[in-house]
Amino acid sequence: MSVIQGIESSGKTTVALQALAECQSRGGVTIYLECESAFEADRGANIGIYNDVWVEKLNLDVEPLLILRPMHIPEAFAMIEFNVKKVRALDPDVEICVVWDSVAATPPSAEASEDNDDYQNKQPGQAAREVSMGFRRMTSIISDNNVVLICLNFIKTKIGGGFPGARGSDDATIAQRALGQHASVRIKLIKIGSIKGASAKISKGVRVLAKNTKNKIAPPFREVEFDMYYTSGMDDEGSKLDLAKTKGIVKSSGGWLTYGETRFRSTDWPKVDCHDEVVTKLEAKVAKEQADALYRYKPDKDDEDREPDDSDIDYDEQEDDDDYGPTPRGTRKDDDN
C-alpha cells in the first residue's frame, strides 16, 4: 500500500491517474474510489486511461476502469475487498491497481449517518480509528491478491499551531499515524514551480518535487523533480532528458545541451536528430544499473557446498542440557564437600 500526500494542486490525482494508465497499458484492471466528485473522463483519457490494450482482452468479463463512490470509510474498505476478490476470481493473474481518492474526503461512518448526536459524540479521532481498523484487515487482502493500492491524502494546517516553526511542523493529515504505519511507501508531493505557456500569465503545468518519506521495499528518503502538465499528466520526454543529464549522457553548458557534436536547446529535445540514440543509450545504462543492483543481492551459488558454521545450528532441535545455565545457590559449596 502506498500513500501520496500533498497540498491542493500538487499533482496527487494526476500521479494516481498515471499509475492507473500504466496498469491498463499492461492489460490490468483499475479501480478508482472517487470520493471528491471531481473525476474528469476527458482528462483521464488524455493521460492514458481507456487505451486500446483492452480490445485484445475480451475474455475478462469486467470493465477496465471501475469507478466506485463509497459513502463512508467502512464502505470504502468493503468495496475494495469485494471487487478485488471478484476480479481475482475471474482472472488469477491479471494486474489490479486501486486508487482511493481521497482518504481525507471520505467521511467516517458517524458523520455519514443521519443521527447528528452520534456524529457529535464520536467525531474526534473516529476517522483515524476506522482507517486503522480497516487496514489491519485490508493489508493481508491486498498482499495475498497481489494488488497495488494507492491512497491519496491532502495536507492541512494544524489548528492553533501558531506560526510555522514555533512547534515544529504545522502540517497535519487525516489519519496520519494510521496510514503511515500500514503504508509500505509514502510520498510527499510539493509544488516548486509553474510551467508557463505562450503567455507569461498562462500556466500549462507545474514543476513537482516528490519526496520519498518512507519505503519498505527500496532505500527511502530519495527525491526527484519532474514536470506535470494539466492536460496530459507527467512529462515523459522531459524526464528522459533530465535523467540523461544526470547519467552524463547529455552534457549541459549554460542554456545549451550537447550530445557528441549535436548542440540543442531543451525546448527542441523531442525533435532533435539524436533523440532516439540518446534514449536507447539511456535505457541500456539504466537496465545495466538495475541488473548490477540485483546481482549484488543475489545469494552466493556456493552456499550449499560450504561447511556448516555456528549460524547453521538449529538450537530448537538440540537436546536439553542440565548443566547449561546459572549455577544454583549453594551448589558450588556442596560440590566441594
C-alpha atoms as a PDB file:
ATOM      1  CA  MET A   1       0.000   0.000   0.000  1.00  0.00           C
ATOM      2  CA  SER A   2       1.293   3.440  -0.982  1.00  0.00           C
ATOM      3  CA  VAL A   3       0.302   6.865   0.313  1.00  0.00           C
ATOM      4  CA  ILE A   4       0.650  10.043  -1.762  1.00  0.00           C
ATOM      5  CA  GLN A   5       0.075  13.254   0.150  1.00  0.00           C
ATOM      6  CA  GLY A   6       0.390  16.942  -0.611  1.00  0.00           C
ATOM      7  CA  ILE A   7      -1.455  20.246  -0.673  1.00  0.00           C
ATOM      8  CA  GLU A   8      -4.055  21.140  -3.267  1.00  0.00           C
ATOM      9  CA  SER A   9      -2.871  21.360  -6.893  1.00  0.00           C
ATOM     10  CA  SER A  10       0.335  19.473  -6.125  1.00  0.00           C
ATOM     11  CA  GLY A  11      -0.399  16.668  -8.605  1.00  0.00           C
ATOM     12  CA  LYS A  12      -1.707  13.848  -6.394  1.00  0.00           C
ATOM     13  CA  THR A  13      -4.629  12.869  -8.635  1.00  0.00           C
ATOM     14  CA  THR A  14      -2.533  13.208 -11.792  1.00  0.00           C
ATOM     15  CA  VAL A  15       0.122  10.840 -10.433  1.00  0.00           C
ATOM     16  CA  ALA A  16      -2.594   8.367  -9.414  1.00  0.00           C
ATOM     17  CA  LEU A  17      -4.218   8.512 -12.874  1.00  0.00           C
ATOM     18  CA  GLN A  18      -0.776   7.962 -14.397  1.00  0.00           C
ATOM     19  CA  ALA A  19      -0.442   4.780 -12.319  1.00  0.00           C
ATOM     20  CA  LEU A  20      -3.872   3.606 -13.485  1.00  0.00           C
ATOM     21  CA  ALA A  21      -2.924   4.264 -17.112  1.00  0.00           C
ATOM     22  CA  GLU A  22       0.298   2.277 -16.689  1.00  0.00           C
ATOM     23  CA  CYS A  23      -1.642  -0.639 -15.205  1.00  0.00           C
ATOM     24  CA  GLN A  24      -4.109  -0.580 -18.096  1.00  0.00           C
ATOM     25  CA  SER A  25      -1.278  -0.473 -20.624  1.00  0.00           C
ATOM     26  CA  ARG A  26      -0.199  -3.851 -19.196  1.00  0.00           C
ATOM     27  CA  GLY A  27      -3.740  -5.221 -19.574  1.00  0.00           C
ATOM     28  CA  GLY A  28      -4.612  -4.800 -15.911  1.00  0.00           C
ATOM     29  CA  VAL A  29      -7.834  -3.875 -14.113  1.00  0.00           C
ATOM     30  CA  THR A  30      -8.082  -0.479 -12.394  1.00  0.00           C
ATOM     31  CA  ILE A  31     -10.427   0.506  -9.568  1.00  0.00           C
ATOM     32  CA  TYR A  32     -10.972   4.168  -8.715  1.00  0.00           C
ATOM     33  CA  LEU A  33     -12.700   5.192  -5.481  1.00  0.00           C
ATOM     34  CA  GLU A  34     -13.989   8.643  -6.379  1.00  0.00           C
ATOM     35  CA  CYS A  35     -14.821  10.417  -3.117  1.00  0.00           C
ATOM     36  CA  GLU A  36     -14.341  14.047  -4.173  1.00  0.00           C
ATOM     37  CA  SER A  37     -16.854  14.076  -7.079  1.00  0.00           C
ATOM     38  CA  ALA A  38     -14.252  15.683  -9.337  1.00  0.00           C
ATOM     39  CA  PHE A  39     -13.250  12.949 -11.799  1.00  0.00           C
ATOM     40  CA  GLU A  40     -12.909  14.135 -15.415  1.00  0.00           C
ATOM     41  CA  ALA A  41     -13.179  11.399 -18.025  1.00  0.00           C
ATOM     42  CA  ASP A  42     -11.630  13.513 -20.791  1.00  0.00           C
ATOM     43  CA  ARG A  43      -8.585  14.318 -18.679  1.00  0.00           C
ATOM     44  CA  GLY A  44      -8.189  10.666 -17.741  1.00  0.00           C
ATOM     45  CA  ALA A  45      -8.335   9.713 -21.437  1.00  0.00           C
ATOM     46  CA  ASN A  46      -5.624  12.262 -22.273  1.00  0.00           C
ATOM     47  CA  ILE A  47      -3.376  10.810 -19.581  1.00  0.00           C
ATOM     48  CA  GLY A  48      -3.783   7.305 -20.992  1.00  0.00           C
ATOM     49  CA  ILE A  49      -6.811   5.647 -19.425  1.00  0.00           C
ATOM     50  CA  TYR A  50      -9.206   3.741 -21.727  1.00  0.00           C
ATOM     51  CA  ASN A  51      -6.402   2.569 -24.022  1.00  0.00           C
ATOM     52  CA  ASP A  52      -6.698   0.011 -26.827  1.00  0.00           C
ATOM     53  CA  VAL A  53      -4.946  -2.794 -24.952  1.00  0.00           C
ATOM     54  CA  TRP A  54      -8.304  -3.940 -23.620  1.00  0.00           C
ATOM     55  CA  VAL A  55      -9.575  -4.703 -27.128  1.00  0.00           C
ATOM     56  CA  GLU A  56      -7.453  -7.866 -27.052  1.00  0.00           C
ATOM     57  CA  LYS A  57      -8.635  -8.803 -23.540  1.00  0.00           C
ATOM     58  CA  LEU A  58     -12.237  -9.687 -24.299  1.00  0.00           C
ATOM     59  CA  ASN A  59     -12.133 -12.903 -22.290  1.00  0.00           C
ATOM     60  CA  LEU A  60     -12.263 -10.974 -19.000  1.00  0.00           C
ATOM     61  CA  ASP A  61     -15.853 -10.009 -18.164  1.00  0.00           C
ATOM     62  CA  VAL A  62     -15.028  -6.769 -16.324  1.00  0.00           C
ATOM     63  CA  GLU A  63     -14.631  -3.120 -17.253  1.00  0.00           C
ATOM     64  CA  PRO A  64     -11.068  -1.752 -17.486  1.00  0.00           C
ATOM     65  CA  LEU A  65     -11.939   1.071 -15.052  1.00  0.00           C
ATOM     66  CA  LEU A  66     -14.341   0.605 -12.154  1.00  0.00           C
ATOM     67  CA  ILE A  67     -15.449   3.913 -10.592  1.00  0.00           C
ATOM     68  CA  LEU A  68     -16.847   3.487  -7.078  1.00  0.00           C
ATOM     69  CA  ARG A  69     -18.335   6.122  -4.782  1.00  0.00           C
ATOM     70  CA  PRO A  70     -18.360   4.976  -1.146  1.00  0.00           C
ATOM     71  CA  MET A  71     -20.450   6.866   1.382  1.00  0.00           C
ATOM     72  CA  HIS A  72     -18.051   6.407   4.310  1.00  0.00           C
ATOM     73  CA  ILE A  73     -14.740   4.789   5.277  1.00  0.00           C
ATOM     74  CA  PRO A  74     -16.016   1.272   6.217  1.00  0.00           C
ATOM     75  CA  GLU A  75     -17.916   1.104   2.921  1.00  0.00           C
ATOM     76  CA  ALA A  76     -14.734   2.028   1.034  1.00  0.00           C
ATOM     77  CA  PHE A  77     -12.889  -0.925   2.570  1.00  0.00           C
ATOM     78  CA  ALA A  78     -15.851  -3.221   1.835  1.00  0.00           C
ATOM     79  CA  MET A  79     -15.920  -2.109  -1.815  1.00  0.00           C
ATOM     80  CA  ILE A  80     -12.184  -2.668  -2.247  1.00  0.00           C
ATOM     81  CA  GLU A  81     -12.338  -6.153  -0.732  1.00  0.00           C
ATOM     82  CA  PHE A  82     -15.413  -7.241  -2.715  1.00  0.00           C
ATOM     83  CA  ASN A  83     -14.191  -6.032  -6.110  1.00  0.00           C
ATOM     84  CA  VAL A  84     -10.625  -7.265  -5.652  1.00  0.00           C
ATOM     85  CA  LYS A  85     -11.823 -10.762  -4.790  1.00  0.00           C
ATOM     86  CA  LYS A  86     -14.333 -10.693  -7.665  1.00  0.00           C
ATOM     87  CA  VAL A  87     -11.712  -9.690 -10.231  1.00  0.00           C
ATOM     88  CA  ARG A  88      -9.198 -12.180  -8.855  1.00  0.00           C
ATOM     89  CA  ALA A  89     -11.788 -14.968  -9.136  1.00  0.00           C
ATOM     90  CA  LEU A  90     -12.317 -14.122 -12.825  1.00  0.00           C
ATOM     91  CA  ASP A  91      -8.592 -13.980 -13.620  1.00  0.00           C
ATOM     92  CA  PRO A  92      -5.964 -15.093 -11.070  1.00  0.00           C
ATOM     93  CA  ASP A  93      -3.081 -13.460 -12.977  1.00  0.00           C
ATOM     94  CA  VAL A  94      -4.430 -10.070 -14.057  1.00  0.00           C
ATOM     95  CA  GLU A  95      -2.800  -6.987 -12.543  1.00  0.00           C
ATOM     96  CA  ILE A  96      -5.008  -4.888 -10.245  1.00  0.00           C
ATOM     97  CA  CYS A  97      -4.431  -1.267  -9.255  1.00  0.00           C
ATOM     98  CA  VAL A  98      -6.733   0.519  -6.797  1.00  0.00           C
ATOM     99  CA  VAL A  99      -6.718   4.277  -6.152  1.00  0.00           C
ATOM    100  CA  TRP A 100      -8.554   5.788  -3.177  1.00  0.00           C
ATOM    101  CA  ASP A 101      -9.072   9.491  -3.942  1.00  0.00           C
ATOM    102  CA  SER A 102      -9.050  10.554  -1.241  1.00  0.00           C
ATOM    103  CA  VAL A 103      -8.960   9.302   2.340  1.00  0.00           C
ATOM    104  CA  ALA A 104      -9.467  12.821   3.706  1.00  0.00           C
ATOM    105  CA  ALA A 105     -12.596  13.331   1.575  1.00  0.00           C
ATOM    106  CA  THR A 106     -14.202  10.089   2.803  1.00  0.00           C
ATOM    107  CA  PRO A 107     -16.267  10.777   5.934  1.00  0.00           C
ATOM    108  CA  PRO A 108     -16.350   8.410   8.913  1.00  0.00           C
ATOM    109  CA  SER A 109     -19.476   6.330   9.418  1.00  0.00           C
ATOM    110  CA  ALA A 110     -20.853   8.557  12.197  1.00  0.00           C
ATOM    111  CA  GLU A 111     -20.540  11.657  10.042  1.00  0.00           C
ATOM    112  CA  ALA A 112     -22.320   9.964   7.139  1.00  0.00           C
ATOM    113  CA  SER A 113     -25.172   8.775   9.363  1.00  0.00           C
ATOM    114  CA  GLU A 114     -28.370  10.725   9.832  1.00  0.00           C
ATOM    115  CA  ASP A 115     -28.028  10.786  13.625  1.00  0.00           C
ATOM    116  CA  ASN A 116     -26.421  14.129  14.415  1.00  0.00           C
ATOM    117  CA  ASP A 117     -25.948  13.281  18.099  1.00  0.00           C
ATOM    118  CA  ASP A 118     -23.970  10.177  17.173  1.00  0.00           C
ATOM    119  CA  TYR A 119     -21.739  12.314  14.941  1.00  0.00           C
ATOM    120  CA  GLN A 120     -21.074  14.852  17.682  1.00  0.00           C
ATOM    121  CA  ASN A 121     -20.215  12.173  20.239  1.00  0.00           C
ATOM    122  CA  LYS A 122     -17.917  10.046  18.089  1.00  0.00           C
ATOM    123  CA  GLN A 123     -16.276  12.535  15.750  1.00  0.00           C
ATOM    124  CA  PRO A 124     -12.865  13.146  17.477  1.00  0.00           C
ATOM    125  CA  GLY A 125     -10.400  10.600  16.078  1.00  0.00           C
ATOM    126  CA  GLN A 126     -13.046   8.366  14.545  1.00  0.00           C
ATOM    127  CA  ALA A 127     -11.642   8.635  11.017  1.00  0.00           C
ATOM    128  CA  ALA A 128      -8.208   7.506  12.231  1.00  0.00           C
ATOM    129  CA  ARG A 129      -9.702   4.610  14.192  1.00  0.00           C
ATOM    130  CA  GLU A 130     -11.776   3.393  11.236  1.00  0.00           C
ATOM    131  CA  VAL A 131      -8.834   3.702   8.841  1.00  0.00           C
ATOM    132  CA  SER A 132      -6.533   1.804  11.201  1.00  0.00           C
ATOM    133  CA  MET A 133      -9.159  -0.876  11.824  1.00  0.00           C
ATOM    134  CA  GLY A 134      -9.787  -1.312   8.105  1.00  0.00           C
ATOM    135  CA  PHE A 135      -6.128  -1.560   7.127  1.00  0.00           C
ATOM    136  CA  ARG A 136      -5.400  -4.204   9.750  1.00  0.00           C
ATOM    137  CA  ARG A 137      -7.610  -6.456   7.640  1.00  0.00           C
ATOM    138  CA  MET A 138      -7.007  -4.899   4.212  1.00  0.00           C
ATOM    139  CA  THR A 139      -3.195  -5.242   4.327  1.00  0.00           C
ATOM    140  CA  SER A 140      -3.326  -9.031   4.161  1.00  0.00           C
ATOM    141  CA  ILE A 141      -6.002  -8.966   1.443  1.00  0.00           C
ATOM    142  CA  ILE A 142      -4.057  -6.735  -0.944  1.00  0.00           C
ATOM    143  CA  SER A 143      -0.874  -8.687  -0.232  1.00  0.00           C
ATOM    144  CA  ASP A 144      -2.434 -12.114  -0.845  1.00  0.00           C
ATOM    145  CA  ASN A 145      -4.125 -10.940  -4.056  1.00  0.00           C
ATOM    146  CA  ASN A 146      -1.059  -9.030  -5.355  1.00  0.00           C
ATOM    147  CA  VAL A 147      -2.862  -5.678  -5.553  1.00  0.00           C
ATOM    148  CA  VAL A 148      -1.389  -2.172  -5.792  1.00  0.00           C
ATOM    149  CA  LEU A 149      -3.352   0.165  -3.510  1.00  0.00           C
ATOM    150  CA  ILE A 150      -2.662   3.914  -3.705  1.00  0.00           C
ATOM    151  CA  CYS A 151      -4.254   6.169  -1.080  1.00  0.00           C
ATOM    152  CA  LEU A 152      -4.320   9.926  -1.646  1.00  0.00           C
ATOM    153  CA  ASN A 153      -4.371  12.308   1.290  1.00  0.00           C
ATOM    154  CA  PHE A 154      -4.057  16.078   1.425  1.00  0.00           C
ATOM    155  CA  ILE A 155      -2.064  18.123   3.902  1.00  0.00           C
ATOM    156  CA  LYS A 156      -3.782  20.701   6.064  1.00  0.00           C
ATOM    157  CA  THR A 157      -2.588  23.134   8.730  1.00  0.00           C
ATOM    158  CA  LYS A 158      -2.909  22.341  12.417  1.00  0.00           C
ATOM    159  CA  ILE A 159      -5.446  24.385  14.318  1.00  0.00           C
ATOM    160  CA  GLY A 160      -3.721  26.612  16.858  1.00  0.00           C
ATOM    161  CA  GLY A 161      -0.288  25.601  15.666  1.00  0.00           C
ATOM    162  CA  GLY A 162       0.972  29.188  15.661  1.00  0.00           C
ATOM    163  CA  PHE A 163       3.399  30.449  13.071  1.00  0.00           C
ATOM    164  CA  PRO A 164       5.483  27.835  11.152  1.00  0.00           C
ATOM    165  CA  GLY A 165       8.402  26.611  13.216  1.00  0.00           C
ATOM    166  CA  ALA A 166       7.010  27.569  16.612  1.00  0.00           C
ATOM    167  CA  ARG A 167       6.096  23.975  17.458  1.00  0.00           C
ATOM    168  CA  GLY A 168       7.862  22.133  14.690  1.00  0.00           C
ATOM    169  CA  SER A 169       5.958  21.375  11.503  1.00  0.00           C
ATOM    170  CA  ASP A 170       2.422  22.774  11.335  1.00  0.00           C
ATOM    171  CA  ASP A 171       1.341  20.222   8.689  1.00  0.00           C
ATOM    172  CA  ALA A 172      -1.250  17.578   9.512  1.00  0.00           C
ATOM    173  CA  THR A 173      -3.210  14.971   7.570  1.00  0.00           C
ATOM    174  CA  ILE A 174      -6.317  12.900   8.218  1.00  0.00           C
ATOM    175  CA  ALA A 175      -5.423   9.534   9.824  1.00  0.00           C
ATOM    176  CA  GLN A 176      -1.742  10.383   9.536  1.00  0.00           C
ATOM    177  CA  ARG A 177      -0.448   7.792  12.013  1.00  0.00           C
ATOM    178  CA  ALA A 178      -2.767   5.033  10.778  1.00  0.00           C
ATOM    179  CA  LEU A 179      -1.824   5.478   7.112  1.00  0.00           C
ATOM    180  CA  GLY A 180       1.861   5.924   7.909  1.00  0.00           C
ATOM    181  CA  GLN A 181       2.006   2.732   9.927  1.00  0.00           C
ATOM    182  CA  HIS A 182       0.400   0.460   7.332  1.00  0.00           C
ATOM    183  CA  ALA A 183       1.931   2.064   4.226  1.00  0.00           C
ATOM    184  CA  SER A 184       4.902   0.443   2.518  1.00  0.00           C
ATOM    185  CA  VAL A 185       5.668   3.590   0.506  1.00  0.00           C
ATOM    186  CA  ARG A 186       4.835   7.175   1.458  1.00  0.00           C
ATOM    187  CA  ILE A 187       5.437  10.034  -0.988  1.00  0.00           C
ATOM    188  CA  LYS A 188       5.025  13.744  -0.395  1.00  0.00           C
ATOM    189  CA  LEU A 189       4.438  15.990  -3.412  1.00  0.00           C
ATOM    190  CA  ILE A 190       5.495  19.646  -3.293  1.00  0.00           C
ATOM    191  CA  LYS A 191       4.781  22.235  -5.975  1.00  0.00           C
ATOM    192  CA  ILE A 192       8.042  24.122  -6.566  1.00  0.00           C
ATOM    193  CA  GLY A 193       7.328  25.991  -9.792  1.00  0.00           C
ATOM    194  CA  SER A 194       4.993  26.708 -12.666  1.00  0.00           C
ATOM    195  CA  ILE A 195       5.379  25.943 -16.380  1.00  0.00           C
ATOM    196  CA  LYS A 196       4.418  28.953 -18.439  1.00  0.00           C
ATOM    197  CA  GLY A 197       2.588  28.725 -21.728  1.00  0.00           C
ATOM    198  CA  ALA A 198       2.606  31.065 -24.701  1.00  0.00           C
ATOM    199  CA  SER A 199       1.882  33.933 -22.347  1.00  0.00           C
ATOM    200  CA  ALA A 200       3.573  34.565 -19.024  1.00  0.00           C
ATOM    201  CA  LYS A 201       0.169  34.856 -17.374  1.00  0.00           C
ATOM    202  CA  ILE A 202      -0.955  31.404 -18.542  1.00  0.00           C
ATOM    203  CA  SER A 203       0.278  28.294 -16.749  1.00  0.00           C
ATOM    204  CA  LYS A 204       0.127  24.966 -18.540  1.00  0.00           C
ATOM    205  CA  GLY A 205       1.690  22.839 -15.815  1.00  0.00           C
ATOM    206  CA  VAL A 206       3.691  22.667 -12.591  1.00  0.00           C
ATOM    207  CA  ARG A 207       7.140  21.563 -11.518  1.00  0.00           C
ATOM    208  CA  VAL A 208       6.791  18.963  -8.762  1.00  0.00           C
ATOM    209  CA  LEU A 209       9.242  17.731  -6.128  1.00  0.00           C
ATOM    210  CA  ALA A 210       8.464  14.212  -4.891  1.00  0.00           C
ATOM    211  CA  LYS A 211       9.973  13.180  -1.546  1.00  0.00           C
ATOM    212  CA  ASN A 212      10.020   9.546  -0.501  1.00  0.00           C
ATOM    213  CA  THR A 213       9.494   9.795   3.261  1.00  0.00           C
ATOM    214  CA  LYS A 214       9.030   6.050   3.869  1.00  0.00           C
ATOM    215  CA  ASN A 215       9.937   2.980   1.844  1.00  0.00           C
ATOM    216  CA  LYS A 216       9.983  -0.659   2.926  1.00  0.00           C
ATOM    217  CA  ILE A 217      10.915  -2.091  -0.482  1.00  0.00           C
ATOM    218  CA  ALA A 218      13.752   0.242  -1.504  1.00  0.00           C
ATOM    219  CA  PRO A 219      16.094   2.819   0.061  1.00  0.00           C
ATOM    220  CA  PRO A 220      13.982   5.689   1.461  1.00  0.00           C
ATOM    221  CA  PHE A 221      14.468   9.463   1.604  1.00  0.00           C
ATOM    222  CA  ARG A 222      15.021   9.880  -2.136  1.00  0.00           C
ATOM    223  CA  GLU A 223      13.900  12.981  -4.056  1.00  0.00           C
ATOM    224  CA  VAL A 224      13.028  13.567  -7.688  1.00  0.00           C
ATOM    225  CA  GLU A 225      11.755  16.529  -9.705  1.00  0.00           C
ATOM    226  CA  PHE A 226       9.556  16.313 -12.794  1.00  0.00           C
ATOM    227  CA  ASP A 227       7.219  18.420 -14.908  1.00  0.00           C
ATOM    228  CA  MET A 228       3.487  17.787 -14.878  1.00  0.00           C
ATOM    229  CA  TYR A 229       1.062  19.201 -17.431  1.00  0.00           C
ATOM    230  CA  TYR A 230      -2.578  19.820 -16.619  1.00  0.00           C
ATOM    231  CA  THR A 231      -3.914  18.076 -19.730  1.00  0.00           C
ATOM    232  CA  SER A 232      -1.521  15.184 -20.390  1.00  0.00           C
ATOM    233  CA  GLY A 233      -0.006  14.396 -16.988  1.00  0.00           C
ATOM    234  CA  MET A 234       3.672  13.753 -16.287  1.00  0.00           C
ATOM    235  CA  ASP A 235       6.177  14.838 -18.940  1.00  0.00           C
ATOM    236  CA  ASP A 236       7.800  11.586 -20.050  1.00  0.00           C
ATOM    237  CA  GLU A 237      10.176  13.148 -22.571  1.00  0.00           C
ATOM    238  CA  GLY A 238      11.323  15.821 -20.130  1.00  0.00           C
ATOM    239  CA  SER A 239      12.016  13.140 -17.507  1.00  0.00           C
ATOM    240  CA  LYS A 240      14.148  11.227 -20.026  1.00  0.00           C
ATOM    241  CA  LEU A 241      16.158  14.355 -20.773  1.00  0.00           C
ATOM    242  CA  ASP A 242      16.692  15.107 -17.073  1.00  0.00           C
ATOM    243  CA  LEU A 243      17.805  11.520 -16.456  1.00  0.00           C
ATOM    244  CA  ALA A 244      20.165  11.641 -19.460  1.00  0.00           C
ATOM    245  CA  LYS A 245      21.787  14.745 -17.985  1.00  0.00           C
ATOM    246  CA  THR A 246      22.053  13.061 -14.571  1.00  0.00           C
ATOM    247  CA  LYS A 247      23.688   9.955 -16.071  1.00  0.00           C
ATOM    248  CA  GLY A 248      26.172  12.081 -18.025  1.00  0.00           C
ATOM    249  CA  ILE A 249      24.916  11.050 -21.458  1.00  0.00           C
ATOM    250  CA  VAL A 250      23.933  14.603 -22.340  1.00  0.00           C
ATOM    251  CA  LYS A 251      26.209  17.458 -21.277  1.00  0.00           C
ATOM    252  CA  SER A 252      24.797  20.763 -20.091  1.00  0.00           C
ATOM    253  CA  SER A 253      26.538  24.090 -20.592  1.00  0.00           C
ATOM    254  CA  GLY A 254      24.547  27.191 -19.794  1.00  0.00           C
ATOM    255  CA  GLY A 255      21.323  27.090 -21.766  1.00  0.00           C
ATOM    256  CA  TRP A 256      22.674  24.606 -24.317  1.00  0.00           C
ATOM    257  CA  LEU A 257      22.759  20.809 -24.270  1.00  0.00           C
ATOM    258  CA  THR A 258      25.391  18.758 -26.074  1.00  0.00           C
ATOM    259  CA  TYR A 259      25.452  15.146 -27.240  1.00  0.00           C
ATOM    260  CA  GLY A 260      28.557  14.391 -29.243  1.00  0.00           C
ATOM    261  CA  GLU A 261      28.689  17.076 -31.902  1.00  0.00           C
ATOM    262  CA  THR A 262      24.968  17.862 -31.657  1.00  0.00           C
ATOM    263  CA  ARG A 263      24.092  21.050 -29.821  1.00  0.00           C
ATOM    264  CA  PHE A 264      20.486  21.874 -28.999  1.00  0.00           C
ATOM    265  CA  ARG A 265      18.123  23.609 -26.600  1.00  0.00           C
ATOM    266  CA  SER A 266      15.918  21.784 -24.096  1.00  0.00           C
ATOM    267  CA  THR A 267      12.813  23.081 -25.905  1.00  0.00           C
ATOM    268  CA  ASP A 268      13.954  21.273 -29.083  1.00  0.00           C
ATOM    269  CA  TRP A 269      14.587  17.974 -27.276  1.00  0.00           C
ATOM    270  CA  PRO A 270      11.905  15.656 -28.691  1.00  0.00           C
ATOM    271  CA  LYS A 271      12.619  16.759 -32.265  1.00  0.00           C
ATOM    272  CA  VAL A 272      16.429  16.605 -32.359  1.00  0.00           C
ATOM    273  CA  ASP A 273      18.125  14.024 -34.580  1.00  0.00           C
ATOM    274  CA  CYS A 274      19.938  12.355 -31.693  1.00  0.00           C
ATOM    275  CA  HIS A 275      16.738  11.745 -29.683  1.00  0.00           C
ATOM    276  CA  ASP A 276      16.402   8.024 -30.448  1.00  0.00           C
ATOM    277  CA  GLU A 277      20.113   7.388 -29.915  1.00  0.00           C
ATOM    278  CA  VAL A 278      20.105   9.140 -26.531  1.00  0.00           C
ATOM    279  CA  VAL A 279      17.001   7.269 -25.373  1.00  0.00           C
ATOM    280  CA  THR A 280      18.453   3.913 -26.465  1.00  0.00           C
ATOM    281  CA  LYS A 281      21.703   4.569 -24.641  1.00  0.00           C
ATOM    282  CA  LEU A 282      19.793   5.759 -21.554  1.00  0.00           C
ATOM    283  CA  GLU A 283      17.615   2.639 -21.447  1.00  0.00           C
ATOM    284  CA  ALA A 284      20.676   0.393 -21.804  1.00  0.00           C
ATOM    285  CA  LYS A 285      22.508   2.192 -18.999  1.00  0.00           C
ATOM    286  CA  VAL A 286      19.528   2.084 -16.633  1.00  0.00           C
ATOM    287  CA  ALA A 287      18.969  -1.622 -17.393  1.00  0.00           C
ATOM    288  CA  LYS A 288      22.631  -2.361 -16.644  1.00  0.00           C
ATOM    289  CA  GLU A 289      22.462  -0.478 -13.326  1.00  0.00           C
ATOM    290  CA  GLN A 290      19.353  -2.415 -12.333  1.00  0.00           C
ATOM    291  CA  ALA A 291      20.984  -5.720 -13.270  1.00  0.00           C
ATOM    292  CA  ASP A 292      24.095  -4.842 -11.247  1.00  0.00           C
ATOM    293  CA  ALA A 293      21.946  -3.905  -8.251  1.00  0.00           C
ATOM    294  CA  LEU A 294      20.083  -7.229  -8.418  1.00  0.00           C
ATOM    295  CA  TYR A 295      23.346  -9.145  -8.771  1.00  0.00           C
ATOM    296  CA  ARG A 296      24.721  -7.624  -5.568  1.00  0.00           C
ATOM    297  CA  TYR A 297      21.767  -9.006  -3.612  1.00  0.00           C
ATOM    298  CA  LYS A 298      21.857 -12.383  -5.354  1.00  0.00           C
ATOM    299  CA  PRO A 299      22.750 -15.253  -2.979  1.00  0.00           C
ATOM    300  CA  ASP A 300      26.073 -16.992  -3.419  1.00  0.00           C
ATOM    301  CA  LYS A 301      25.943 -20.111  -5.607  1.00  0.00           C
ATOM    302  CA  ASP A 302      28.442 -21.931  -3.379  1.00  0.00           C
ATOM    303  CA  ASP A 303      26.309 -21.627  -0.226  1.00  0.00           C
ATOM    304  CA  GLU A 304      25.242 -25.281  -0.480  1.00  0.00           C
ATOM    305  CA  ASP A 305      28.857 -26.530  -0.710  1.00  0.00           C
ATOM    306  CA  ARG A 306      30.302 -24.580   2.215  1.00  0.00           C
ATOM    307  CA  GLU A 307      30.920 -26.187   5.592  1.00  0.00           C
ATOM    308  CA  PRO A 308      28.301 -25.505   8.298  1.00  0.00           C
ATOM    309  CA  ASP A 309      29.176 -22.960  10.950  1.00  0.00           C
ATOM    310  CA  ASP A 310      27.516 -21.607  14.077  1.00  0.00           C
ATOM    311  CA  SER A 311      24.884 -19.782  12.027  1.00  0.00           C
ATOM    312  CA  ASP A 312      23.556 -23.124  10.731  1.00  0.00           C
ATOM    313  CA  ILE A 313      22.926 -24.631  14.164  1.00  0.00           C
ATOM    314  CA  ASP A 314      19.258 -25.184  14.962  1.00  0.00           C
ATOM    315  CA  TYR A 315      19.068 -24.680  18.689  1.00  0.00           C
ATOM    316  CA  ASP A 316      15.446 -25.839  18.822  1.00  0.00           C
ATOM    317  CA  GLU A 317      16.457 -29.384  17.851  1.00  0.00           C
ATOM    318  CA  GLN A 318      19.274 -29.703  20.413  1.00  0.00           C
ATOM    319  CA  GLU A 319      18.769 -31.880  23.439  1.00  0.00           C
ATOM    320  CA  ASP A 320      18.291 -30.228  26.813  1.00  0.00           C
ATOM    321  CA  ASP A 321      21.459 -29.936  28.852  1.00  0.00           C
ATOM    322  CA  ASP A 322      21.027 -29.914  32.621  1.00  0.00           C
ATOM    323  CA  ASP A 323      24.448 -28.303  33.100  1.00  0.00           C
ATOM    324  CA  TYR A 324      23.525 -25.277  30.963  1.00  0.00           C
ATOM    325  CA  GLY A 325      22.534 -22.123  32.840  1.00  0.00           C
ATOM    326  CA  PRO A 326      23.482 -20.362  36.066  1.00  0.00           C
ATOM    327  CA  THR A 327      24.671 -22.410  38.989  1.00  0.00           C
ATOM    328  CA  PRO A 328      22.075 -22.597  41.784  1.00  0.00           C
ATOM    329  CA  ARG A 329      22.994 -21.052  45.121  1.00  0.00           C
ATOM    330  CA  GLY A 330      24.872 -23.441  47.369  1.00  0.00           C
ATOM    331  CA  THR A 331      25.684 -25.956  44.649  1.00  0.00           C
ATOM    332  CA  ARG A 332      29.357 -24.991  44.378  1.00  0.00           C
ATOM    333  CA  LYS A 333      29.894 -25.426  48.170  1.00  0.00           C
ATOM    334  CA  ASP A 334      28.165 -28.814  48.120  1.00  0.00           C
ATOM    335  CA  ASP A 335      30.331 -29.961  45.236  1.00  0.00           C
ATOM    336  CA  ASP A 336      33.482 -29.000  47.104  1.00  0.00           C
ATOM    337  CA  ASN A 337      32.412 -31.064  50.088  1.00  0.00           C
END
